[in-house]
Amino acid sequence: METNQDRSIELTNSALGRITNVLKEGERSKFRVYVTGGGCSGFQYGFKFDDVEAFDDDVIDFGEFKVLIDSMSYPYLYGSTLDFVEDLSGAKFVIENPNAKTTCGCGESFTV
């Protein structure tokens, strides 16, 4: 895993590789990570390829692409690590979040 103390979120090598590969296939240059209300534990993670930077986004440069985190999601995601896993349940992005007090069984939602 690449580490840099100035980044609000870290990416594993697996996540870096997956995002880079998908971005090479399309027109986009940024990957947005966000939190929304909902899910079985209160909040859920969201991911999308994006090109629009909002004025209040935290923009993290990973060389070949940038990760965007909006100001509402930032405090929930700060210090987290984004991973990409492929297993029997499929392929997905997973967040290891030190701010989460509990998570649901699938790991897609959490409480703080």
PDB file of N, CA and C in Angstrom:
ATOM      1  N   MET A   1       0.836  -1.177   0.000  1.00  0.00           N
ATOM      2  CA  MET A   1       0.000   0.000   0.000  1.00  0.00           C
ATOM      3  C   MET A   1       0.882   1.240   0.000  1.00  0.00           C
ATOM      4  N   GLU A   2       0.503   2.184  -0.818  1.00  0.00           N
ATOM      5  CA  GLU A   2       1.201   3.465  -0.860  1.00  0.00           C
ATOM      6  C   GLU A   2       0.720   4.299   0.320  1.00  0.00           C
ATOM      7  N   THR A   3       1.631   4.937   1.032  1.00  0.00           N
ATOM      8  CA  THR A   3       1.232   5.748   2.170  1.00  0.00           C
ATOM      9  C   THR A   3       1.756   7.159   2.037  1.00  0.00           C
ATOM     10  N   ASN A   4       0.949   8.080   2.505  1.00  0.00           N
ATOM     11  CA  ASN A   4       1.312   9.489   2.515  1.00  0.00           C
ATOM     12  C   ASN A   4       0.486  10.126   3.625  1.00  0.00           C
ATOM     13  N   GLN A   5       1.125  10.674   4.638  1.00  0.00           N
ATOM     14  CA  GLN A   5       0.431  11.201   5.809  1.00  0.00           C
ATOM     15  C   GLN A   5      -0.485  12.380   5.479  1.00  0.00           C
ATOM     16  N   ASP A   6      -0.304  13.019   4.329  1.00  0.00           N
ATOM     17  CA  ASP A   6      -1.122  14.168   3.975  1.00  0.00           C
ATOM     18  C   ASP A   6      -2.447  13.780   3.326  1.00  0.00           C
ATOM     19  N   ARG A   7      -2.646  12.524   3.030  1.00  0.00           N
ATOM     20  CA  ARG A   7      -3.867  12.085   2.350  1.00  0.00           C
ATOM     21  C   ARG A   7      -4.959  11.740   3.353  1.00  0.00           C
ATOM     22  N   SER A   8      -6.174  12.141   3.029  1.00  0.00           N
ATOM     23  CA  SER A   8      -7.304  11.851   3.902  1.00  0.00           C
ATOM     24  C   SER A   8      -7.788  10.412   3.728  1.00  0.00           C
ATOM     25  N   ILE A   9      -7.448   9.774   2.597  1.00  0.00           N
ATOM     26  CA  ILE A   9      -7.815   8.384   2.360  1.00  0.00           C
ATOM     27  C   ILE A   9      -6.652   7.711   1.632  1.00  0.00           C
ATOM     28  N   GLU A  10      -6.426   6.457   1.945  1.00  0.00           N
ATOM     29  CA  GLU A  10      -5.374   5.678   1.289  1.00  0.00           C
ATOM     30  C   GLU A  10      -6.009   4.634   0.386  1.00  0.00           C
ATOM     31  N   LEU A  11      -5.280   4.189  -0.597  1.00  0.00           N
ATOM     32  CA  LEU A  11      -5.726   3.141  -1.510  1.00  0.00           C
ATOM     33  C   LEU A  11      -4.729   1.993  -1.479  1.00  0.00           C
ATOM     34  N   THR A  12      -5.247   0.775  -1.464  1.00  0.00           N
ATOM     35  CA  THR A  12      -4.373  -0.383  -1.559  1.00  0.00           C
ATOM     36  C   THR A  12      -3.897  -0.505  -3.009  1.00  0.00           C
ATOM     37  N   ASN A  13      -2.887  -1.334  -3.225  1.00  0.00           N
ATOM     38  CA  ASN A  13      -2.418  -1.570  -4.592  1.00  0.00           C
ATOM     39  C   ASN A  13      -3.521  -2.144  -5.464  1.00  0.00           C
ATOM     40  N   SER A  14      -4.381  -2.980  -4.885  1.00  0.00           N
ATOM     41  CA  SER A  14      -5.495  -3.561  -5.630  1.00  0.00           C
ATOM     42  C   SER A  14      -6.472  -2.473  -6.089  1.00  0.00           C
ATOM     43  N   ALA A  15      -6.801  -1.539  -5.211  1.00  0.00           N
ATOM     44  CA  ALA A  15      -7.706  -0.437  -5.572  1.00  0.00           C
ATOM     45  C   ALA A  15      -7.061   0.483  -6.598  1.00  0.00           C
ATOM     46  N   LEU A  16      -5.776   0.795  -6.401  1.00  0.00           N
ATOM     47  CA  LEU A  16      -5.059   1.629  -7.376  1.00  0.00           C
ATOM     48  C   LEU A  16      -5.104   0.998  -8.759  1.00  0.00           C
ATOM     49  N   GLY A  17      -4.833  -0.301  -8.828  1.00  0.00           N
ATOM     50  CA  GLY A  17      -4.830  -1.012 -10.108  1.00  0.00           C
ATOM     51  C   GLY A  17      -6.189  -1.032 -10.768  1.00  0.00           C
ATOM     52  N   ARG A  18      -7.232  -1.310  -9.989  1.00  0.00           N
ATOM     53  CA  ARG A  18      -8.588  -1.389 -10.558  1.00  0.00           C
ATOM     54  C   ARG A  18      -9.041  -0.035 -11.102  1.00  0.00           C
ATOM     55  N   ILE A  19      -8.848   1.013 -10.316  1.00  0.00           N
ATOM     56  CA  ILE A  19      -9.264   2.350 -10.760  1.00  0.00           C
ATOM     57  C   ILE A  19      -8.481   2.759 -12.002  1.00  0.00           C
ATOM     58  N   THR A  20      -7.187   2.534 -11.998  1.00  0.00           N
ATOM     59  CA  THR A  20      -6.355   2.877 -13.158  1.00  0.00           C
ATOM     60  C   THR A  20      -6.818   2.146 -14.407  1.00  0.00           C
ATOM     61  N   ASN A  21      -7.092   0.851 -14.293  1.00  0.00           N
ATOM     62  CA  ASN A  21      -7.539   0.062 -15.449  1.00  0.00           C
ATOM     63  C   ASN A  21      -8.875   0.546 -15.995  1.00  0.00           C
ATOM     64  N   VAL A  22      -9.814   0.849 -15.124  1.00  0.00           N
ATOM     65  CA  VAL A  22     -11.131   1.308 -15.586  1.00  0.00           C
ATOM     66  C   VAL A  22     -11.014   2.696 -16.220  1.00  0.00           C
ATOM     67  N   LEU A  23     -10.231   3.563 -15.629  1.00  0.00           N
ATOM     68  CA  LEU A  23     -10.090   4.908 -16.185  1.00  0.00           C
ATOM     69  C   LEU A  23      -9.415   4.891 -17.552  1.00  0.00           C
ATOM     70  N   LYS A  24      -8.524   3.958 -17.799  1.00  0.00           N
ATOM     71  CA  LYS A  24      -7.875   3.853 -19.107  1.00  0.00           C
ATOM     72  C   LYS A  24      -8.878   3.509 -20.201  1.00  0.00           C
ATOM     73  N   GLU A  25      -9.948   2.804 -19.834  1.00  0.00           N
ATOM     74  CA  GLU A  25     -10.964   2.387 -20.805  1.00  0.00           C
ATOM     75  C   GLU A  25     -11.937   3.498 -21.157  1.00  0.00           C
ATOM     76  N   GLY A  26     -12.034   4.532 -20.334  1.00  0.00           N
ATOM     77  CA  GLY A  26     -13.040   5.568 -20.552  1.00  0.00           C
ATOM     78  C   GLY A  26     -12.459   6.953 -20.674  1.00  0.00           C
ATOM     79  N   GLU A  27     -13.345   7.908 -20.529  1.00  0.00           N
ATOM     80  CA  GLU A  27     -12.994   9.312 -20.693  1.00  0.00           C
ATOM     81  C   GLU A  27     -12.761  10.020 -19.360  1.00  0.00           C
ATOM     82  N   ARG A  28     -13.053   9.387 -18.279  1.00  0.00           N
ATOM     83  CA  ARG A  28     -12.998  10.046 -16.975  1.00  0.00           C
ATOM     84  C   ARG A  28     -11.583  10.022 -16.389  1.00  0.00           C
ATOM     85  N   SER A  29     -11.337  10.936 -15.445  1.00  0.00           N
ATOM     86  CA  SER A  29     -10.008  11.013 -14.840  1.00  0.00           C
ATOM     87  C   SER A  29     -10.047  11.084 -13.316  1.00  0.00           C
ATOM     88  N   LYS A  30     -11.241  10.971 -12.748  1.00  0.00           N
ATOM     89  CA  LYS A  30     -11.383  11.087 -11.301  1.00  0.00           C
ATOM     90  C   LYS A  30     -12.312  10.004 -10.758  1.00  0.00           C
ATOM     91  N   PHE A  31     -12.068   9.631  -9.495  1.00  0.00           N
ATOM     92  CA  PHE A  31     -12.869   8.614  -8.826  1.00  0.00           C
ATOM     93  C   PHE A  31     -13.406   9.227  -7.541  1.00  0.00           C
ATOM     94  N   ARG A  32     -14.736   9.259  -7.404  1.00  0.00           N
ATOM     95  CA  ARG A  32     -15.370   9.875  -6.237  1.00  0.00           C
ATOM     96  C   ARG A  32     -15.744   8.800  -5.221  1.00  0.00           C
ATOM     97  N   VAL A  33     -15.379   9.066  -3.960  1.00  0.00           N
ATOM     98  CA  VAL A  33     -15.766   8.218  -2.835  1.00  0.00           C
ATOM     99  C   VAL A  33     -16.644   9.087  -1.944  1.00  0.00           C
ATOM    100  N   TYR A  34     -17.821   8.573  -1.552  1.00  0.00           N
ATOM    101  CA  TYR A  34     -18.735   9.398  -0.766  1.00  0.00           C
ATOM    102  C   TYR A  34     -19.544   8.552   0.203  1.00  0.00           C
ATOM    103  N   VAL A  35     -20.237   9.240   1.094  1.00  0.00           N
ATOM    104  CA  VAL A  35     -21.089   8.610   2.097  1.00  0.00           C
ATOM    105  C   VAL A  35     -22.485   9.180   1.932  1.00  0.00           C
ATOM    106  N   THR A  36     -23.485   8.302   1.988  1.00  0.00           N
ATOM    107  CA  THR A  36     -24.877   8.736   1.953  1.00  0.00           C
ATOM    108  C   THR A  36     -25.616   8.091   3.116  1.00  0.00           C
ATOM    109  N   GLY A  37     -26.774   8.651   3.452  1.00  0.00           N
ATOM    110  CA  GLY A  37     -27.624   8.044   4.465  1.00  0.00           C
ATOM    111  C   GLY A  37     -28.278   6.804   3.885  1.00  0.00           C
ATOM    112  N   GLY A  38     -28.526   5.827   4.741  1.00  0.00           N
ATOM    113  CA  GLY A  38     -29.175   4.605   4.290  1.00  0.00           C
ATOM    114  C   GLY A  38     -28.361   3.384   4.629  1.00  0.00           C
ATOM    115  N   GLY A  39     -28.744   2.288   4.050  1.00  0.00           N
ATOM    116  CA  GLY A  39     -28.066   1.037   4.371  1.00  0.00           C
ATOM    117  C   GLY A  39     -28.583   0.496   5.688  1.00  0.00           C
ATOM    118  N   CYS A  40     -28.240  -0.703   6.013  1.00  0.00           N
ATOM    119  CA  CYS A  40     -28.777  -1.330   7.224  1.00  0.00           C
ATOM    120  C   CYS A  40     -28.121  -0.818   8.496  1.00  0.00           C
ATOM    121  N   SER A  41     -27.016  -0.084   8.397  1.00  0.00           N
ATOM    122  CA  SER A  41     -26.354   0.438   9.595  1.00  0.00           C
ATOM    123  C   SER A  41     -26.396   1.953   9.704  1.00  0.00           C
ATOM    124  N   GLY A  42     -27.081   2.640   8.827  1.00  0.00           N
ATOM    125  CA  GLY A  42     -27.227   4.088   8.941  1.00  0.00           C
ATOM    126  C   GLY A  42     -26.590   4.899   7.839  1.00  0.00           C
ATOM    127  N   PHE A  43     -25.342   4.611   7.493  1.00  0.00           N
ATOM    128  CA  PHE A  43     -24.651   5.272   6.392  1.00  0.00           C
ATOM    129  C   PHE A  43     -24.148   4.202   5.438  1.00  0.00           C
ATOM    130  N   GLN A  44     -24.026   4.574   4.178  1.00  0.00           N
ATOM    131  CA  GLN A  44     -23.453   3.630   3.226  1.00  0.00           C
ATOM    132  C   GLN A  44     -22.446   4.332   2.332  1.00  0.00           C
ATOM    133  N   TYR A  45     -21.508   3.548   1.831  1.00  0.00           N
ATOM    134  CA  TYR A  45     -20.457   4.064   0.964  1.00  0.00           C
ATOM    135  C   TYR A  45     -20.935   4.089  -0.475  1.00  0.00           C
ATOM    136  N   GLY A  46     -20.438   5.064  -1.219  1.00  0.00           N
ATOM    137  CA  GLY A  46     -20.719   5.140  -2.641  1.00  0.00           C
ATOM    138  C   GLY A  46     -19.441   5.423  -3.408  1.00  0.00           C
ATOM    139  N   PHE A  47     -19.412   4.945  -4.647  1.00  0.00           N
ATOM    140  CA  PHE A  47     -18.245   5.109  -5.502  1.00  0.00           C
ATOM    141  C   PHE A  47     -18.727   5.402  -6.910  1.00  0.00           C
ATOM    142  N   LYS A  48     -18.057   6.334  -7.590  1.00  0.00           N
ATOM    143  CA  LYS A  48     -18.385   6.575  -8.990  1.00  0.00           C
ATOM    144  C   LYS A  48     -17.223   7.252  -9.688  1.00  0.00           C
ATOM    145  N   PHE A  49     -17.137   7.021 -10.971  1.00  0.00           N
ATOM    146  CA  PHE A  49     -16.145   7.700 -11.802  1.00  0.00           C
ATOM    147  C   PHE A  49     -16.749   9.030 -12.189  1.00  0.00           C
ATOM    148  N   ASP A  50     -15.974  10.083 -12.062  1.00  0.00           N
ATOM    149  CA  ASP A  50     -16.502  11.437 -12.173  1.00  0.00           C
ATOM    150  C   ASP A  50     -15.470  12.328 -12.858  1.00  0.00           C
ATOM    151  N   ASP A  51     -15.899  13.467 -13.338  1.00  0.00           N
ATOM    152  CA  ASP A  51     -14.988  14.464 -13.881  1.00  0.00           C
ATOM    153  C   ASP A  51     -15.207  15.833 -13.274  1.00  0.00           C
ATOM    154  N   VAL A  52     -16.286  15.974 -12.499  1.00  0.00           N
ATOM    155  CA  VAL A  52     -16.639  17.279 -11.967  1.00  0.00           C
ATOM    156  C   VAL A  52     -16.106  17.427 -10.545  1.00  0.00           C
ATOM    157  N   GLU A  53     -15.230  18.406 -10.358  1.00  0.00           N
ATOM    158  CA  GLU A  53     -14.726  18.734  -9.026  1.00  0.00           C
ATOM    159  C   GLU A  53     -15.566  19.865  -8.461  1.00  0.00           C
ATOM    160  N   ALA A  54     -16.170  19.645  -7.304  1.00  0.00           N
ATOM    161  CA  ALA A  54     -16.926  20.695  -6.625  1.00  0.00           C
ATOM    162  C   ALA A  54     -15.949  21.589  -5.859  1.00  0.00           C
ATOM    163  N   PHE A  55     -16.383  22.802  -5.567  1.00  0.00           N
ATOM    164  CA  PHE A  55     -15.498  23.757  -4.888  1.00  0.00           C
ATOM    165  C   PHE A  55     -15.070  23.275  -3.506  1.00  0.00           C
ATOM    166  N   ASP A  56     -15.865  22.411  -2.873  1.00  0.00           N
ATOM    167  CA  ASP A  56     -15.542  21.961  -1.520  1.00  0.00           C
ATOM    168  C   ASP A  56     -15.001  20.530  -1.469  1.00  0.00           C
ATOM    169  N   ASP A  57     -14.629  19.970  -2.615  1.00  0.00           N
ATOM    170  CA  ASP A  57     -14.070  18.617  -2.651  1.00  0.00           C
ATOM    171  C   ASP A  57     -12.652  18.588  -2.098  1.00  0.00           C
ATOM    172  N   ASP A  58     -12.344  17.518  -1.381  1.00  0.00           N
ATOM    173  CA  ASP A  58     -10.953  17.198  -1.069  1.00  0.00           C
ATOM    174  C   ASP A  58     -10.454  16.437  -2.288  1.00  0.00           C
ATOM    175  N   VAL A  59      -9.407  16.918  -2.924  1.00  0.00           N
ATOM    176  CA  VAL A  59      -8.874  16.312  -4.145  1.00  0.00           C
ATOM    177  C   VAL A  59      -7.531  15.686  -3.801  1.00  0.00           C
ATOM    178  N   ILE A  60      -7.449  14.352  -3.933  1.00  0.00           N
ATOM    179  CA  ILE A  60      -6.241  13.618  -3.583  1.00  0.00           C
ATOM    180  C   ILE A  60      -5.621  13.076  -4.862  1.00  0.00           C
ATOM    181  N   ASP A  61      -4.406  13.477  -5.134  1.00  0.00           N
ATOM    182  CA  ASP A  61      -3.719  13.096  -6.364  1.00  0.00           C
ATOM    183  C   ASP A  61      -2.977  11.778  -6.172  1.00  0.00           C
ATOM    184  N   PHE A  62      -3.321  10.782  -6.981  1.00  0.00           N
ATOM    185  CA  PHE A  62      -2.652   9.486  -6.964  1.00  0.00           C
ATOM    186  C   PHE A  62      -1.853   9.268  -8.250  1.00  0.00           C
ATOM    187  N   GLY A  63      -1.420  10.344  -8.859  1.00  0.00           N
ATOM    188  CA  GLY A  63      -0.586  10.253 -10.056  1.00  0.00           C
ATOM    189  C   GLY A  63      -1.412  10.175 -11.327  1.00  0.00           C
ATOM    190  N   GLU A  64      -1.868   8.984 -11.685  1.00  0.00           N
ATOM    191  CA  GLU A  64      -2.622   8.799 -12.925  1.00  0.00           C
ATOM    192  C   GLU A  64      -4.077   9.241 -12.809  1.00  0.00           C
ATOM    193  N   PHE A  65      -4.561   9.444 -11.594  1.00  0.00           N
ATOM    194  CA  PHE A  65      -5.942   9.873 -11.386  1.00  0.00           C
ATOM    195  C   PHE A  65      -6.044  10.585 -10.048  1.00  0.00           C
ATOM    196  N   LYS A  66      -7.210  11.205  -9.823  1.00  0.00           N
ATOM    197  CA  LYS A  66      -7.482  11.885  -8.563  1.00  0.00           C
ATOM    198  C   LYS A  66      -8.704  11.263  -7.905  1.00  0.00           C
ATOM    199  N   VAL A  67      -8.688  11.228  -6.581  1.00  0.00           N
ATOM    200  CA  VAL A  67      -9.847  10.791  -5.805  1.00  0.00           C
ATOM    201  C   VAL A  67     -10.501  12.045  -5.247  1.00  0.00           C
ATOM    202  N   LEU A  68     -11.819  12.109  -5.347  1.00  0.00           N
ATOM    203  CA  LEU A  68     -12.598  13.240  -4.849  1.00  0.00           C
ATOM    204  C   LEU A  68     -13.435  12.800  -3.651  1.00  0.00           C
ATOM    205  N   ILE A  69     -13.446  13.617  -2.597  1.00  0.00           N
ATOM    206  CA  ILE A  69     -14.307  13.379  -1.435  1.00  0.00           C
ATOM    207  C   ILE A  69     -15.006  14.685  -1.118  1.00  0.00           C
ATOM    208  N   ASP A  70     -16.333  14.689  -1.122  1.00  0.00           N
ATOM    209  CA  ASP A  70     -17.076  15.913  -0.841  1.00  0.00           C
ATOM    210  C   ASP A  70     -16.965  16.274   0.640  1.00  0.00           C
ATOM    211  N   SER A  71     -17.259  17.523   0.955  1.00  0.00           N
ATOM    212  CA  SER A  71     -17.067  18.031   2.315  1.00  0.00           C
ATOM    213  C   SER A  71     -17.962  17.347   3.349  1.00  0.00           C
ATOM    214  N   MET A  72     -19.127  16.863   2.953  1.00  0.00           N
ATOM    215  CA  MET A  72     -20.014  16.165   3.892  1.00  0.00           C
ATOM    216  C   MET A  72     -19.475  14.770   4.220  1.00  0.00           C
ATOM    217  N   SER A  73     -18.851  14.119   3.259  1.00  0.00           N
ATOM    218  CA  SER A  73     -18.328  12.771   3.455  1.00  0.00           C
ATOM    219  C   SER A  73     -16.964  12.760   4.132  1.00  0.00           C
ATOM    220  N   TYR A  74     -16.226  13.842   3.986  1.00  0.00           N
ATOM    221  CA  TYR A  74     -14.847  13.913   4.454  1.00  0.00           C
ATOM    222  C   TYR A  74     -14.660  13.452   5.905  1.00  0.00           C
ATOM    223  N   PRO A  75     -15.434  13.977   6.885  1.00  0.00           N
ATOM    224  CA  PRO A  75     -15.176  13.557   8.266  1.00  0.00           C
ATOM    225  C   PRO A  75     -15.459  12.072   8.515  1.00  0.00           C
ATOM    226  N   TYR A  76     -16.354  11.488   7.740  1.00  0.00           N
ATOM    227  CA  TYR A  76     -16.660  10.067   7.901  1.00  0.00           C
ATOM    228  C   TYR A  76     -15.597   9.169   7.279  1.00  0.00           C
ATOM    229  N   LEU A  77     -14.902   9.676   6.259  1.00  0.00           N
ATOM    230  CA  LEU A  77     -13.928   8.868   5.519  1.00  0.00           C
ATOM    231  C   LEU A  77     -12.484   9.134   5.911  1.00  0.00           C
ATOM    232  N   TYR A  78     -12.224  10.194   6.662  1.00  0.00           N
ATOM    233  CA  TYR A  78     -10.852  10.561   6.989  1.00  0.00           C
ATOM    234  C   TYR A  78     -10.140   9.405   7.696  1.00  0.00           C
ATOM    235  N   GLY A  79      -8.959   9.060   7.193  1.00  0.00           N
ATOM    236  CA  GLY A  79      -8.166   7.984   7.780  1.00  0.00           C
ATOM    237  C   GLY A  79      -8.499   6.598   7.268  1.00  0.00           C
ATOM    238  N   SER A  80      -9.439   6.504   6.336  1.00  0.00           N
ATOM    239  CA  SER A  80      -9.870   5.211   5.800  1.00  0.00           C
ATOM    240  C   SER A  80      -8.922   4.696   4.728  1.00  0.00           C
ATOM    241  N   THR A  81      -9.059   3.418   4.440  1.00  0.00           N
ATOM    242  CA  THR A  81      -8.314   2.778   3.360  1.00  0.00           C
ATOM    243  C   THR A  81      -9.306   2.128   2.410  1.00  0.00           C
ATOM    244  N   LEU A  82      -9.175   2.432   1.128  1.00  0.00           N
ATOM    245  CA  LEU A  82     -10.023   1.856   0.091  1.00  0.00           C
ATOM    246  C   LEU A  82      -9.305   0.664  -0.528  1.00  0.00           C
ATOM    247  N   ASP A  83     -10.010  -0.459  -0.612  1.00  0.00           N
ATOM    248  CA  ASP A  83      -9.461  -1.679  -1.199  1.00  0.00           C
ATOM    249  C   ASP A  83     -10.416  -2.161  -2.287  1.00  0.00           C
ATOM    250  N   PHE A  84      -9.911  -2.981  -3.179  1.00  0.00           N
ATOM    251  CA  PHE A  84     -10.735  -3.646  -4.188  1.00  0.00           C
ATOM    252  C   PHE A  84     -10.529  -5.139  -4.008  1.00  0.00           C
ATOM    253  N   VAL A  85     -11.621  -5.866  -3.775  1.00  0.00           N
ATOM    254  CA  VAL A  85     -11.522  -7.304  -3.523  1.00  0.00           C
ATOM    255  C   VAL A  85     -12.370  -8.078  -4.521  1.00  0.00           C
ATOM    256  N   GLU A  86     -11.872  -9.249  -4.861  1.00  0.00           N
ATOM    257  CA  GLU A  86     -12.605 -10.186  -5.700  1.00  0.00           C
ATOM    258  C   GLU A  86     -12.658 -11.504  -4.944  1.00  0.00           C
ATOM    259  N   ASP A  87     -13.892 -11.960  -4.659  1.00  0.00           N
ATOM    260  CA  ASP A  87     -14.061 -13.220  -3.950  1.00  0.00           C
ATOM    261  C   ASP A  87     -15.321 -13.915  -4.453  1.00  0.00           C
ATOM    262  N   LEU A  88     -15.795 -14.902  -3.724  1.00  0.00           N
ATOM    263  CA  LEU A  88     -16.961 -15.669  -4.160  1.00  0.00           C
ATOM    264  C   LEU A  88     -18.228 -14.822  -4.277  1.00  0.00           C
ATOM    265  N   SER A  89     -18.292 -13.722  -3.532  1.00  0.00           N
ATOM    266  CA  SER A  89     -19.481 -12.866  -3.603  1.00  0.00           C
ATOM    267  C   SER A  89     -19.394 -11.843  -4.728  1.00  0.00           C
ATOM    268  N   GLY A  90     -18.253 -11.775  -5.435  1.00  0.00           N
ATOM    269  CA  GLY A  90     -18.099 -10.850  -6.548  1.00  0.00           C
ATOM    270  C   GLY A  90     -16.906  -9.934  -6.353  1.00  0.00           C
ATOM    271  N   ALA A  91     -16.854  -8.904  -7.174  1.00  0.00           N
ATOM    272  CA  ALA A  91     -15.781  -7.918  -7.118  1.00  0.00           C
ATOM    273  C   ALA A  91     -16.371  -6.598  -6.644  1.00  0.00           C
ATOM    274  N   LYS A  92     -15.691  -5.953  -5.684  1.00  0.00           N
ATOM    275  CA  LYS A  92     -16.233  -4.703  -5.145  1.00  0.00           C
ATOM    276  C   LYS A  92     -15.158  -3.908  -4.428  1.00  0.00           C
ATOM    277  N   PHE A  93     -15.425  -2.619  -4.286  1.00  0.00           N
ATOM    278  CA  PHE A  93     -14.596  -1.761  -3.463  1.00  0.00           C
ATOM    279  C   PHE A  93     -15.053  -1.906  -2.019  1.00  0.00           C
ATOM    280  N   VAL A  94     -14.095  -1.936  -1.104  1.00  0.00           N
ATOM    281  CA  VAL A  94     -14.369  -2.093   0.321  1.00  0.00           C
ATOM    282  C   VAL A  94     -13.566  -1.035   1.063  1.00  0.00           C
ATOM    283  N   ILE A  95     -14.168  -0.449   2.087  1.00  0.00           N
ATOM    284  CA  ILE A  95     -13.484   0.566   2.881  1.00  0.00           C
ATOM    285  C   ILE A  95     -13.224   0.043   4.284  1.00  0.00           C
ATOM    286  N   GLU A  96     -11.969   0.174   4.705  1.00  0.00           N
ATOM    287  CA  GLU A  96     -11.608  -0.068   6.100  1.00  0.00           C
ATOM    288  C   GLU A  96     -11.639   1.296   6.764  1.00  0.00           C
ATOM    289  N   ASN A  97     -12.621   1.498   7.638  1.00  0.00           N
ATOM    290  CA  ASN A  97     -12.883   2.823   8.183  1.00  0.00           C
ATOM    291  C   ASN A  97     -12.670   2.840   9.697  1.00  0.00           C
ATOM    292  N   PRO A  98     -11.633   3.545  10.171  1.00  0.00           N
ATOM    293  CA  PRO A  98     -11.394   3.608  11.616  1.00  0.00           C
ATOM    294  C   PRO A  98     -12.445   4.426  12.365  1.00  0.00           C
ATOM    295  N   ASN A  99     -13.266   5.189  11.642  1.00  0.00           N
ATOM    296  CA  ASN A  99     -14.300   6.016  12.257  1.00  0.00           C
ATOM    297  C   ASN A  99     -15.597   5.247  12.508  1.00  0.00           C
ATOM    298  N   ALA A 100     -15.752   4.096  11.884  1.00  0.00           N
ATOM    299  CA  ALA A 100     -16.985   3.313  12.008  1.00  0.00           C
ATOM    300  C   ALA A 100     -16.989   2.549  13.324  1.00  0.00           C
ATOM    301  N   LYS A 101     -18.088   2.688  14.059  1.00  0.00           N
ATOM    302  CA  LYS A 101     -18.230   1.937  15.309  1.00  0.00           C
ATOM    303  C   LYS A 101     -18.759   0.540  15.032  1.00  0.00           C
ATOM    304  N   THR A 102     -19.680   0.439  14.090  1.00  0.00           N
ATOM    305  CA  THR A 102     -20.213  -0.866  13.679  1.00  0.00           C
ATOM    306  C   THR A 102     -20.407  -0.852  12.170  1.00  0.00           C
ATOM    307  N   THR A 103     -20.387  -2.044  11.580  1.00  0.00           N
ATOM    308  CA  THR A 103     -20.657  -2.188  10.150  1.00  0.00           C
ATOM    309  C   THR A 103     -21.658  -3.313   9.978  1.00  0.00           C
ATOM    310  N   CYS A 104     -22.302  -3.338   8.832  1.00  0.00           N
ATOM    311  CA  CYS A 104     -23.222  -4.420   8.546  1.00  0.00           C
ATOM    312  C   CYS A 104     -22.410  -5.643   8.083  1.00  0.00           C
ATOM    313  N   GLY A 105     -23.069  -6.760   7.921  1.00  0.00           N
ATOM    314  CA  GLY A 105     -22.393  -7.989   7.524  1.00  0.00           C
ATOM    315  C   GLY A 105     -21.687  -7.912   6.191  1.00  0.00           C
ATOM    316  N   CYS A 106     -22.244  -7.163   5.241  1.00  0.00           N
ATOM    317  CA  CYS A 106     -21.634  -7.071   3.922  1.00  0.00           C
ATOM    318  C   CYS A 106     -20.542  -6.007   3.849  1.00  0.00           C
ATOM    319  N   GLY A 107     -20.456  -5.148   4.881  1.00  0.00           N
ATOM    320  CA  GLY A 107     -19.420  -4.122   4.907  1.00  0.00           C
ATOM    321  C   GLY A 107     -19.725  -2.890   4.078  1.00  0.00           C
ATOM    322  N   GLU A 108     -20.952  -2.788   3.573  1.00  0.00           N
ATOM    323  CA  GLU A 108     -21.298  -1.660   2.718  1.00  0.00           C
ATOM    324  C   GLU A 108     -21.962  -0.517   3.468  1.00  0.00           C
ATOM    325  N   SER A 109     -22.299  -0.727   4.742  1.00  0.00           N
ATOM    326  CA  SER A 109     -22.861   0.365   5.531  1.00  0.00           C
ATOM    327  C   SER A 109     -22.246   0.338   6.927  1.00  0.00           C
ATOM    328  N   PHE A 110     -22.386   1.486   7.640  1.00  0.00           N
ATOM    329  CA  PHE A 110     -21.729   1.628   8.931  1.00  0.00           C
ATOM    330  C   PHE A 110     -22.433   2.658   9.786  1.00  0.00           C
ATOM    331  N   THR A 111     -22.075   2.701  11.072  1.00  0.00           N
ATOM    332  CA  THR A 111     -22.527   3.741  11.990  1.00  0.00           C
ATOM    333  C   THR A 111     -21.299   4.371  12.614  1.00  0.00           C
ATOM    334  N   VAL A 112     -21.473   5.632  13.069  1.00  0.00           N
ATOM    335  CA  VAL A 112     -20.371   6.328  13.742  1.00  0.00           C
ATOM    336  C   VAL A 112     -20.789   6.702  15.140  1.00  0.00           C
TER     337      VAL A 112
END
